[in-house]
Amino acid sequence: MKSLYSVLIFTVALLVSSCSSKKGTIFTNASSGKPFELLVVVQDEHQWDTAVGKALFNALDTDVPMLPQPERSFHIMHCSKHDFDNTMKLLRNIIIVDINPDRYTQSKFKTLHDEYAAPQALLRIQSPSASELATFINAHKNVIIDFFTRAEMQRTASELKRNHSNIVSQKVDSLFGYNVWVSPEFASTKCRKDFFWTRADRSDCLLNYVMYSYPFESDSTFTLQYYIAKRDSFMKANIPGSEPGMYVETDPRFIQKEVIEVQGQYCMEVRGLWDMKNDMMGGPFVSHTMLDKVNNRIVTSEVFLFAPRKPKADMLRFLEASLYTMQLPGMPLTEAIQKETSEKATHN
């Protein structure tokens, strides 16, 4: 964890701050900081060492799920309200602790976007007392993590909207009739019936995006057992290794499923590890499986990477943002991510 005055990384960005958007009629400065850096503003420095500060630190100091090695979800900083000056207000992710028994009768979240800079996600945690706030934070850890994770996904998705691979978008549209945005570095593609694969070869890693579809038969489609069988079938048939008998497969020991909502639609999110059968290759993957109601078929979009001896969290989360950009027939565009996340936090 970084203390306030050790954060020198923002100096250059703050010296060259620029107008990037409008909030009403007032121009807003560009936010600063790296993805998944987060500032917690407590009432005073002492509060960080109390139950409230410890609850926030424990909520944020988690690992990105389903990676081969532990990697933290956020880079956490903190400061007091006294030190929360115009420089600190430009950071991209901010939590503000607000304890006031005269104003609040219960603990709650208040979400704000682009309050001091843009793009920016700000979460106020309001409560009548410190003890109640600590309990509230412990009970809603996932809401806090999800709010800032989705905010980062939205930022990357917005960047992809402006700058993405037209080759991939055109191929996916011609094969499936869907819209999707991936990084411009994805160029080589492999297309077969109901299957699409594109990858980007960097000097130190391989990035992959896959899409496949099959007819919808029953709700059992959304079970983990059914998912693994389908995934392994498509991967074995379409992504072979360098030698006969080698192909991508799911490691059933390391896999987890979560039901989420993407652009108002039911989505089965699966995270796990893959490996190359009869080879030493492997790494993490994330997939979204949804029902294309117009065509009565299931579609899975997935990102996975191979980056031996490299940190993987930031690369995987960069790829994961593309999953949120997929537009099925009748679905709205990906700007809905921000709205969904704000509503989820507000309702808790």
Protein backbone atom coordinates (compact mmCIF):
# COMPACT_ATOMS: atom_id res chain seq x y z
CA MET A 1 0.00 0.00 0.00
CA LYS A 2 1.21 3.51 -0.80
CA SER A 3 0.94 6.49 1.55
CA LEU A 4 -0.21 9.84 0.17
CA TYR A 5 3.13 11.57 -0.20
CA SER A 6 4.88 8.63 -1.83
CA VAL A 7 2.65 8.90 -4.87
CA LEU A 8 5.01 10.65 -7.26
CA ILE A 9 3.75 8.87 -10.32
CA PHE A 10 1.04 11.45 -10.91
CA THR A 11 3.31 14.50 -11.02
CA VAL A 12 3.81 14.68 -14.77
CA ALA A 13 0.14 14.00 -15.52
CA LEU A 14 -0.95 16.75 -13.18
CA LEU A 15 1.43 19.30 -14.66
CA VAL A 16 -0.13 18.74 -18.06
CA SER A 17 -3.80 18.34 -17.08
CA SER A 18 -6.22 19.02 -19.91
CA CYS A 19 -9.93 19.57 -20.48
CA SER A 20 -11.47 16.30 -21.59
CA SER A 21 -15.20 16.54 -20.97
CA LYS A 22 -18.01 18.70 -19.68
CA LYS A 23 -20.12 18.33 -16.57
CA GLY A 24 -22.98 20.69 -17.13
CA THR A 25 -21.33 23.87 -18.35
CA ILE A 26 -18.05 23.40 -16.48
CA PHE A 27 -15.02 21.85 -18.13
CA THR A 28 -13.59 18.91 -16.19
CA ASN A 29 -9.91 18.09 -16.01
CA ALA A 30 -8.61 14.75 -17.22
CA SER A 31 -8.29 12.22 -14.43
CA SER A 32 -4.89 10.85 -13.50
CA GLY A 33 -3.48 7.57 -12.28
CA LYS A 34 -3.08 4.06 -13.55
CA PRO A 35 -5.86 1.49 -13.96
CA PHE A 36 -6.99 -0.01 -10.64
CA GLU A 37 -5.23 2.60 -8.51
CA LEU A 38 -7.62 3.76 -5.81
CA LEU A 39 -7.56 6.53 -3.18
CA VAL A 40 -9.44 6.19 0.12
CA VAL A 41 -10.25 9.50 1.83
CA VAL A 42 -10.77 9.08 5.58
CA GLN A 43 -11.77 11.79 8.04
CA ASP A 44 -8.32 11.91 9.61
CA GLU A 45 -5.13 9.87 9.50
CA HIS A 46 -6.01 8.15 12.78
CA GLN A 47 -9.18 6.69 11.25
CA TRP A 48 -7.16 4.59 8.81
CA ASP A 49 -5.86 2.55 11.76
CA THR A 50 -9.33 2.01 13.25
CA ALA A 51 -11.99 -0.59 12.43
CA VAL A 52 -13.25 1.55 9.53
CA GLY A 53 -9.87 1.81 7.84
CA LYS A 54 -9.12 -1.85 8.42
CA ALA A 55 -12.49 -2.87 6.99
CA LEU A 56 -11.86 -0.84 3.84
CA PHE A 57 -8.34 -2.16 3.44
CA ASN A 58 -9.50 -5.76 3.89
CA ALA A 59 -12.30 -5.23 1.37
CA LEU A 60 -9.95 -3.84 -1.26
CA ASP A 61 -6.84 -5.89 -0.54
CA THR A 62 -8.08 -8.95 -2.42
CA ASP A 63 -6.60 -11.06 -5.19
CA VAL A 64 -7.85 -11.02 -8.76
CA PRO A 65 -9.72 -14.36 -8.92
CA MET A 66 -8.49 -17.40 -10.81
CA LEU A 67 -4.92 -16.39 -11.65
CA PRO A 68 -2.01 -18.86 -11.52
CA GLN A 69 -0.22 -16.66 -8.96
CA PRO A 70 -1.70 -14.16 -6.46
CA GLU A 71 -2.04 -10.60 -7.81
CA ARG A 72 -3.79 -7.76 -5.99
CA SER A 73 -7.04 -6.31 -7.32
CA PHE A 74 -6.17 -2.69 -6.48
CA HIS A 75 -3.23 -0.45 -5.68
CA ILE A 76 -4.49 1.25 -2.52
CA MET A 77 -3.62 4.74 -1.29
CA HIS A 78 -5.17 6.81 1.49
CA CYS A 79 -5.29 10.38 2.76
CA SER A 80 -7.24 12.48 5.25
CA LYS A 81 -9.97 14.91 4.25
CA HIS A 82 -7.58 17.72 5.15
CA ASP A 83 -5.10 16.48 2.53
CA PHE A 84 -7.75 15.78 -0.11
CA ASP A 85 -6.76 18.77 -2.23
CA ASN A 86 -7.23 19.63 -5.91
CA THR A 87 -4.34 17.36 -6.84
CA MET A 88 -5.83 14.31 -5.13
CA LYS A 89 -9.27 15.07 -6.56
CA LEU A 90 -7.98 14.26 -10.05
CA LEU A 91 -7.40 10.58 -9.28
CA ARG A 92 -9.52 8.15 -11.30
CA ASN A 93 -10.92 6.01 -8.45
CA ILE A 94 -11.88 7.52 -5.08
CA ILE A 95 -13.67 6.34 -1.93
CA ILE A 96 -14.76 9.02 0.57
CA VAL A 97 -15.72 8.02 4.11
CA ASP A 98 -18.49 10.23 5.51
CA ILE A 99 -19.59 9.62 9.12
CA ASN A 100 -22.20 12.03 10.45
CA PRO A 101 -24.88 11.06 13.01
CA ASP A 102 -26.76 14.31 12.36
CA ARG A 103 -27.19 13.62 8.64
CA TYR A 104 -27.51 9.83 8.33
CA THR A 105 -29.70 7.26 10.04
CA GLN A 106 -28.23 4.24 8.25
CA SER A 107 -25.21 3.28 6.20
CA LYS A 108 -25.41 3.53 2.42
CA PHE A 109 -23.42 4.04 -0.77
CA LYS A 110 -23.62 7.09 -3.00
CA THR A 111 -22.03 6.75 -6.43
CA LEU A 112 -20.74 9.63 -8.53
CA HIS A 113 -19.08 9.74 -11.93
CA ASP A 114 -16.74 12.48 -13.20
CA GLU A 115 -17.25 14.57 -10.06
CA TYR A 116 -13.83 16.26 -10.09
CA ALA A 117 -12.23 14.84 -13.25
CA ALA A 118 -13.07 12.57 -16.17
CA PRO A 119 -13.21 9.67 -16.37
CA GLN A 120 -13.62 9.19 -12.64
CA ALA A 121 -15.52 6.81 -10.34
CA LEU A 122 -16.27 8.08 -6.83
CA LEU A 123 -17.96 6.13 -4.06
CA ARG A 124 -19.15 7.90 -0.91
CA ILE A 125 -19.80 5.58 2.02
CA GLN A 126 -22.14 7.36 4.41
CA SER A 127 -23.00 6.26 7.93
CA PRO A 128 -24.16 7.59 11.31
CA SER A 129 -21.33 5.86 13.22
CA ALA A 130 -17.92 4.28 12.77
CA SER A 131 -18.97 0.92 14.19
CA GLU A 132 -21.99 0.67 11.89
CA LEU A 133 -19.88 1.71 8.91
CA ALA A 134 -17.27 -0.99 9.55
CA THR A 135 -20.03 -3.61 9.70
CA PHE A 136 -21.61 -2.24 6.51
CA ILE A 137 -18.30 -2.36 4.62
CA ASN A 138 -17.62 -5.94 5.70
CA ALA A 139 -21.07 -6.98 4.49
CA HIS A 140 -20.77 -5.28 1.09
CA LYS A 141 -17.18 -5.94 0.02
CA ASN A 142 -18.22 -7.32 -3.34
CA VAL A 143 -20.29 -4.23 -4.17
CA ILE A 144 -17.26 -1.99 -3.63
CA ILE A 145 -14.96 -4.18 -5.72
CA ASP A 146 -17.54 -4.55 -8.48
CA PHE A 147 -18.19 -0.80 -8.68
CA PHE A 148 -14.56 0.09 -9.36
CA THR A 149 -13.85 -2.96 -11.51
CA ARG A 150 -16.81 -2.15 -13.76
CA ALA A 151 -15.70 1.49 -13.91
CA GLU A 152 -12.32 0.38 -15.25
CA MET A 153 -14.01 -1.94 -17.74
CA GLN A 154 -16.15 0.95 -18.93
CA ARG A 155 -13.08 3.13 -19.50
CA THR A 156 -11.36 0.46 -21.55
CA ALA A 157 -14.55 -0.27 -23.48
CA SER A 158 -14.89 3.43 -24.29
CA GLU A 159 -11.32 3.48 -25.58
CA LEU A 160 -12.03 0.41 -27.70
CA LYS A 161 -15.07 2.11 -29.17
CA ARG A 162 -12.80 4.86 -30.47
CA ASN A 163 -9.96 2.57 -31.52
CA HIS A 164 -10.56 -1.11 -32.25
CA SER A 165 -9.78 -3.79 -34.80
CA ASN A 166 -12.05 -3.29 -37.80
CA ILE A 167 -10.90 -6.65 -39.16
CA VAL A 168 -12.24 -8.48 -36.12
CA SER A 169 -15.46 -6.47 -35.98
CA GLN A 170 -16.20 -7.22 -39.63
CA LYS A 171 -15.42 -10.93 -39.26
CA VAL A 172 -17.61 -11.34 -36.18
CA ASP A 173 -20.43 -9.46 -37.87
CA SER A 174 -20.25 -11.63 -40.98
CA LEU A 175 -20.10 -14.90 -39.00
CA PHE A 176 -22.55 -14.20 -36.16
CA GLY A 177 -24.25 -10.89 -36.87
CA TYR A 178 -22.85 -9.39 -33.65
CA ASN A 179 -20.84 -6.29 -32.87
CA VAL A 180 -17.69 -6.48 -30.73
CA TRP A 181 -14.63 -4.31 -30.12
CA VAL A 182 -11.16 -5.69 -29.46
CA SER A 183 -7.76 -4.00 -29.48
CA PRO A 184 -6.36 -3.02 -32.92
CA GLU A 185 -3.39 -5.34 -32.33
CA PHE A 186 -5.69 -8.30 -33.08
CA ALA A 187 -5.39 -8.94 -36.80
CA SER A 188 -4.89 -12.64 -37.61
CA THR A 189 -8.13 -14.61 -37.51
CA LYS A 190 -9.40 -18.16 -37.80
CA CYS A 191 -13.00 -18.69 -38.86
CA ARG A 192 -15.01 -21.90 -38.96
CA LYS A 193 -18.68 -22.72 -38.67
CA ASP A 194 -19.95 -21.23 -35.41
CA PHE A 195 -16.38 -20.49 -34.28
CA PHE A 196 -14.06 -17.47 -34.39
CA TRP A 197 -10.54 -17.00 -32.99
CA THR A 198 -8.19 -14.05 -33.15
CA ARG A 199 -4.90 -13.52 -31.37
CA ALA A 200 -2.23 -10.89 -30.88
CA ASP A 201 1.39 -11.91 -30.50
CA ARG A 202 3.38 -9.61 -28.24
CA SER A 203 7.05 -10.10 -27.52
CA ASP A 204 6.34 -11.47 -24.03
CA CYS A 205 2.83 -12.93 -24.27
CA LEU A 206 0.00 -14.20 -26.46
CA LEU A 207 -3.45 -12.57 -26.24
CA ASN A 208 -6.52 -14.43 -27.48
CA TYR A 209 -10.18 -13.71 -28.17
CA VAL A 210 -12.62 -16.52 -29.03
CA MET A 211 -16.31 -16.66 -29.89
CA TYR A 212 -18.47 -19.71 -30.53
CA SER A 213 -22.18 -20.49 -30.63
CA TYR A 214 -24.53 -23.47 -30.55
CA PRO A 215 -28.30 -24.03 -30.38
CA PHE A 216 -30.11 -23.33 -27.12
CA GLU A 217 -31.74 -26.53 -25.84
CA SER A 218 -32.53 -26.07 -22.15
CA ASP A 219 -31.55 -24.19 -19.00
CA SER A 220 -28.94 -26.89 -18.32
CA THR A 221 -26.84 -24.98 -20.85
CA PHE A 222 -25.95 -22.61 -18.03
CA THR A 223 -24.49 -25.24 -15.70
CA LEU A 224 -20.74 -25.42 -15.20
CA GLN A 225 -20.59 -29.07 -16.28
CA TYR A 226 -22.32 -28.32 -19.59
CA TYR A 227 -20.15 -25.26 -20.13
CA ILE A 228 -16.88 -27.15 -19.66
CA ALA A 229 -17.95 -29.90 -22.05
CA LYS A 230 -18.86 -27.38 -24.76
CA ARG A 231 -15.74 -25.30 -24.24
CA ASP A 232 -13.41 -28.29 -24.42
CA SER A 233 -15.18 -29.57 -27.52
CA PHE A 234 -14.76 -26.28 -29.40
CA MET A 235 -11.19 -25.74 -28.23
CA LYS A 236 -10.06 -29.27 -29.12
CA ALA A 237 -11.51 -28.98 -32.61
CA ASN A 238 -10.22 -25.48 -33.36
CA ILE A 239 -7.13 -24.57 -31.29
CA PRO A 240 -4.52 -27.31 -31.64
CA GLY A 241 -0.99 -27.22 -30.29
CA SER A 242 2.25 -27.53 -32.20
CA GLU A 243 2.19 -31.35 -32.19
CA PRO A 244 -0.54 -33.99 -32.71
CA GLY A 245 -2.46 -34.67 -29.51
CA MET A 246 -2.00 -31.11 -28.24
CA TYR A 247 -4.99 -28.82 -27.80
CA VAL A 248 -6.42 -26.23 -25.40
CA GLU A 249 -8.50 -27.66 -22.52
CA THR A 250 -10.08 -26.47 -19.28
CA ASP A 251 -8.45 -27.26 -15.95
CA PRO A 252 -11.48 -28.46 -13.92
CA ARG A 253 -9.64 -27.93 -10.63
CA PHE A 254 -9.52 -24.16 -11.07
CA ILE A 255 -12.79 -22.74 -12.34
CA GLN A 256 -15.60 -20.61 -10.94
CA LYS A 257 -18.98 -19.44 -12.23
CA GLU A 258 -20.89 -16.27 -11.43
CA VAL A 259 -24.19 -14.97 -12.77
CA ILE A 260 -23.93 -11.30 -13.74
CA GLU A 261 -25.92 -8.83 -15.81
CA VAL A 262 -24.46 -7.33 -18.97
CA GLN A 263 -26.42 -4.59 -20.71
CA GLY A 264 -29.61 -5.78 -19.06
CA GLN A 265 -29.11 -9.41 -20.11
CA TYR A 266 -28.49 -12.58 -18.09
CA CYS A 267 -24.86 -13.63 -18.43
CA MET A 268 -22.90 -16.56 -17.06
CA GLU A 269 -19.37 -15.40 -16.33
CA VAL A 270 -16.76 -18.13 -15.96
CA ARG A 271 -13.19 -17.65 -14.79
CA GLY A 272 -10.56 -20.32 -14.68
CA LEU A 273 -7.30 -21.75 -15.92
CA TRP A 274 -6.60 -23.46 -19.22
CA ASP A 275 -3.72 -25.66 -20.28
CA MET A 276 -2.41 -27.22 -23.46
CA LYS A 277 -2.96 -30.97 -23.43
CA ASN A 278 0.41 -32.82 -23.48
CA ASP A 279 2.32 -29.52 -23.31
CA MET A 280 3.51 -27.02 -20.70
CA MET A 281 1.47 -24.04 -21.90
CA GLY A 282 -1.36 -22.58 -19.82
CA GLY A 283 -2.85 -19.48 -18.27
CA PRO A 284 -6.06 -17.72 -17.15
CA PHE A 285 -9.29 -17.14 -19.08
CA VAL A 286 -12.57 -15.27 -18.63
CA SER A 287 -15.75 -15.93 -20.62
CA HIS A 288 -19.28 -14.61 -20.96
CA THR A 289 -22.08 -16.95 -22.06
CA MET A 290 -25.41 -15.45 -23.07
CA LEU A 291 -28.63 -16.34 -24.86
CA ASP A 292 -29.16 -14.81 -28.28
CA LYS A 293 -32.95 -14.70 -28.09
CA VAL A 294 -33.42 -13.53 -31.66
CA ASN A 295 -31.62 -16.57 -33.09
CA ASN A 296 -32.38 -18.98 -30.20
CA ARG A 297 -28.74 -19.87 -29.71
CA ILE A 298 -26.07 -19.66 -27.02
CA VAL A 299 -23.02 -17.53 -27.66
CA THR A 300 -19.81 -17.62 -25.63
CA SER A 301 -17.14 -14.96 -25.94
CA GLU A 302 -13.84 -15.60 -24.18
CA VAL A 303 -10.43 -14.05 -23.63
CA PHE A 304 -7.39 -16.00 -22.54
CA LEU A 305 -3.68 -15.36 -22.43
CA PHE A 306 -0.30 -17.02 -22.23
CA ALA A 307 2.28 -14.94 -20.39
CA PRO A 308 4.87 -17.12 -18.66
CA ARG A 309 6.71 -15.51 -15.74
CA LYS A 310 4.76 -12.24 -16.23
CA PRO A 311 2.10 -10.53 -14.09
CA LYS A 312 -1.23 -11.33 -15.71
CA ALA A 313 -3.92 -9.34 -13.88
CA ASP A 314 -3.70 -6.10 -15.87
CA MET A 315 -3.41 -7.87 -19.23
CA LEU A 316 -6.37 -10.14 -18.48
CA ARG A 317 -8.56 -7.27 -17.29
CA PHE A 318 -7.64 -5.27 -20.39
CA LEU A 319 -8.82 -8.19 -22.52
CA GLU A 320 -11.89 -8.75 -20.36
CA ALA A 321 -13.26 -5.31 -21.22
CA SER A 322 -13.89 -6.55 -24.76
CA LEU A 323 -16.42 -9.06 -23.42
CA TYR A 324 -18.62 -6.19 -22.28
CA THR A 325 -18.65 -4.63 -25.74
CA MET A 326 -20.39 -7.53 -27.47
CA GLN A 327 -23.76 -6.43 -28.80
CA LEU A 328 -26.31 -9.14 -29.51
CA PRO A 329 -29.36 -8.39 -31.68
CA GLY A 330 -31.70 -6.10 -29.78
CA MET A 331 -29.12 -5.20 -27.11
CA PRO A 332 -28.06 -1.62 -26.33
CA LEU A 333 -24.48 -0.47 -26.71
CA THR A 334 -21.88 -0.94 -24.00
CA GLU A 335 -22.31 2.46 -22.29
CA ALA A 336 -24.85 0.65 -20.10
CA ILE A 337 -22.01 -0.82 -18.01
CA GLN A 338 -21.61 2.34 -15.97
CA LYS A 339 -25.35 2.70 -15.34
CA GLU A 340 -25.73 -0.93 -14.21
CA THR A 341 -22.84 -0.68 -11.76
CA SER A 342 -24.09 2.58 -10.24
CA GLU A 343 -27.58 1.13 -9.75
CA LYS A 344 -26.18 -1.99 -8.10
CA ALA A 345 -24.21 0.09 -5.58
CA THR A 346 -27.11 2.47 -4.95
CA HIS A 347 -29.53 -0.36 -4.17
CA ASN A 348 -27.30 -1.77 -1.43
